[in-house]
C-alpha atoms as a PDB file:
ATOM      1  CA  MET A   1     -33.384 -22.393 150.981  1.00  0.00           C
ATOM      2  CA  SER A   2     -33.994 -19.352 148.847  1.00  0.00           C
ATOM      3  CA  MET A   3     -37.157 -18.218 147.126  1.00  0.00           C
ATOM      4  CA  TYR A   4     -35.741 -19.788 143.951  1.00  0.00           C
ATOM      5  CA  GLY A   5     -35.336 -23.226 145.477  1.00  0.00           C
ATOM      6  CA  ARG A   6     -32.490 -25.072 147.093  1.00  0.00           C
ATOM      7  CA  VAL A   7     -29.151 -23.287 146.934  1.00  0.00           C
ATOM      8  CA  GLU A   8     -26.047 -25.422 146.580  1.00  0.00           C
ATOM      9  CA  VAL A   9     -22.843 -24.050 148.055  1.00  0.00           C
ATOM     10  CA  VAL A  10     -19.624 -25.361 146.536  1.00  0.00           C
ATOM     11  CA  TYR A  11     -16.341 -25.193 148.432  1.00  0.00           C
ATOM     12  CA  TYR A  12     -12.822 -25.936 147.262  1.00  0.00           C
ATOM     13  CA  GLN A  13      -9.813 -26.636 149.446  1.00  0.00           C
ATOM     14  CA  LEU A  14      -6.111 -26.985 148.931  1.00  0.00           C
ATOM     15  CA  THR A  15      -4.753 -30.508 148.860  1.00  0.00           C
ATOM     16  CA  PRO A  16      -1.454 -31.244 150.631  1.00  0.00           C
ATOM     17  CA  LEU A  17       0.278 -30.852 147.253  1.00  0.00           C
ATOM     18  CA  GLY A  18      -1.485 -27.534 146.660  1.00  0.00           C
ATOM     19  CA  THR A  19      -0.469 -26.299 150.102  1.00  0.00           C
ATOM     20  CA  GLN A  20       3.138 -27.217 149.369  1.00  0.00           C
ATOM     21  CA  ARG A  21       3.037 -25.360 146.045  1.00  0.00           C
ATOM     22  CA  ALA A  22       1.429 -22.274 147.591  1.00  0.00           C
ATOM     23  CA  GLN A  23       4.116 -22.146 150.292  1.00  0.00           C
ATOM     24  CA  ASN A  24       6.939 -22.427 147.756  1.00  0.00           C
ATOM     25  CA  PRO A  25       6.181 -20.285 144.670  1.00  0.00           C
ATOM     26  CA  ALA A  26       9.320 -21.582 142.909  1.00  0.00           C
ATOM     27  CA  GLN A  27       7.507 -24.927 142.540  1.00  0.00           C
ATOM     28  CA  MET A  28       4.737 -23.290 140.490  1.00  0.00           C
ATOM     29  CA  ARG A  29       6.827 -23.163 137.322  1.00  0.00           C
ATOM     30  CA  GLY A  30       4.755 -23.633 134.198  1.00  0.00           C
ATOM     31  CA  LEU A  31       1.514 -22.552 135.872  1.00  0.00           C
ATOM     32  CA  ASP A  32      -0.285 -19.624 134.237  1.00  0.00           C
ATOM     33  CA  SER A  33      -0.744 -16.384 136.168  1.00  0.00           C
ATOM     34  CA  ALA A  34      -4.508 -16.839 136.720  1.00  0.00           C
ATOM     35  CA  SER A  35      -4.001 -20.278 138.277  1.00  0.00           C
ATOM     36  CA  LYS A  36      -1.117 -19.025 140.423  1.00  0.00           C
ATOM     37  CA  GLY A  37      -3.216 -16.104 141.634  1.00  0.00           C
ATOM     38  CA  LEU A  38      -6.143 -18.342 142.497  1.00  0.00           C
ATOM     39  CA  LEU A  39      -3.916 -20.837 144.325  1.00  0.00           C
ATOM     40  CA  GLU A  40      -2.382 -18.026 146.375  1.00  0.00           C
ATOM     41  CA  GLU A  41      -5.804 -16.522 147.100  1.00  0.00           C
ATOM     42  CA  ILE A  42      -7.202 -19.824 148.394  1.00  0.00           C
ATOM     43  CA  ALA A  43      -4.109 -20.217 150.593  1.00  0.00           C
ATOM     44  CA  GLN A  44      -4.593 -16.699 152.000  1.00  0.00           C
ATOM     45  CA  HIS A  45      -8.170 -17.592 152.960  1.00  0.00           C
ATOM     46  CA  GLY A  46      -7.093 -20.508 155.134  1.00  0.00           C
ATOM     47  CA  GLY A  47      -6.978 -23.151 152.418  1.00  0.00           C
ATOM     48  CA  THR A  48     -10.741 -23.371 151.827  1.00  0.00           C
ATOM     49  CA  MET A  49     -12.894 -21.054 149.768  1.00  0.00           C
ATOM     50  CA  GLU A  50     -16.458 -20.968 148.512  1.00  0.00           C
ATOM     51  CA  TRP A  51     -16.985 -20.726 144.749  1.00  0.00           C
ATOM     52  CA  ASP A  52     -19.004 -17.500 145.119  1.00  0.00           C
ATOM     53  CA  GLU A  53     -16.248 -15.972 147.266  1.00  0.00           C
ATOM     54  CA  MET A  54     -13.773 -16.732 144.511  1.00  0.00           C
ATOM     55  CA  LYS A  55     -15.971 -15.007 141.941  1.00  0.00           C
ATOM     56  CA  PHE A  56     -16.631 -11.866 143.981  1.00  0.00           C
ATOM     57  CA  MET A  57     -13.395 -11.468 145.916  1.00  0.00           C
ATOM     58  CA  GLY A  58     -11.089 -12.695 143.192  1.00  0.00           C
ATOM     59  CA  SER A  59      -8.768 -10.439 141.313  1.00  0.00           C
ATOM     60  CA  LEU A  60      -9.184 -12.375 138.076  1.00  0.00           C
ATOM     61  CA  ASP A  61     -10.629 -10.911 134.907  1.00  0.00           C
ATOM     62  CA  SER A  62     -13.902 -12.804 134.672  1.00  0.00           C
ATOM     63  CA  PRO A  63     -15.775 -15.838 136.002  1.00  0.00           C
ATOM     64  CA  SER A  64     -14.837 -17.772 132.854  1.00  0.00           C
ATOM     65  CA  VAL A  65     -11.113 -17.161 133.499  1.00  0.00           C
ATOM     66  CA  LEU A  66     -11.667 -18.205 137.109  1.00  0.00           C
ATOM     67  CA  SER A  67     -13.488 -21.354 136.029  1.00  0.00           C
ATOM     68  CA  VAL A  68     -10.652 -22.404 133.703  1.00  0.00           C
ATOM     69  CA  ALA A  69      -8.024 -21.662 136.384  1.00  0.00           C
ATOM     70  CA  LEU A  70      -9.959 -23.646 138.996  1.00  0.00           C
ATOM     71  CA  ARG A  71     -10.422 -26.592 136.624  1.00  0.00           C
ATOM     72  CA  ARG A  72      -6.679 -26.559 135.910  1.00  0.00           C
ATOM     73  CA  LEU A  73      -5.849 -26.592 139.644  1.00  0.00           C
ATOM     74  CA  VAL A  74      -8.259 -29.492 140.230  1.00  0.00           C
ATOM     75  CA  ASP A  75      -6.754 -31.434 137.301  1.00  0.00           C
ATOM     76  CA  LEU A  76      -3.243 -30.908 138.692  1.00  0.00           C
ATOM     77  CA  GLY A  77      -4.343 -32.124 142.130  1.00  0.00           C
ATOM     78  CA  TYR A  78      -3.670 -28.802 143.880  1.00  0.00           C
ATOM     79  CA  VAL A  79      -7.320 -28.144 144.794  1.00  0.00           C
ATOM     80  CA  ALA A  80     -10.250 -30.477 145.477  1.00  0.00           C
ATOM     81  CA  PRO A  81     -13.977 -30.000 146.072  1.00  0.00           C
ATOM     82  CA  ALA A  82     -14.816 -29.922 149.786  1.00  0.00           C
ATOM     83  CA  THR A  83     -17.862 -30.143 151.996  1.00  0.00           C
ATOM     84  CA  PRO A  84     -18.524 -27.335 154.468  1.00  0.00           C
END
């Protein structure tokens, strides 16, 4: 609990399909560079990453680019929301 109220922490984890894609970059054809980078970054962090970690540790241009890339990975079934 922070002085601003309850703080919600959001985690995302690789699905089995996402893990397979991250291990074999040739299977990521057609995926934009921001989504590829995010998928690889989540894999390097053990397959699970907090949203704030992605924003601050990410090598992407901006949080809006990150948000679009994450949404794309979720839509493709490579990443799913997780509970800590």
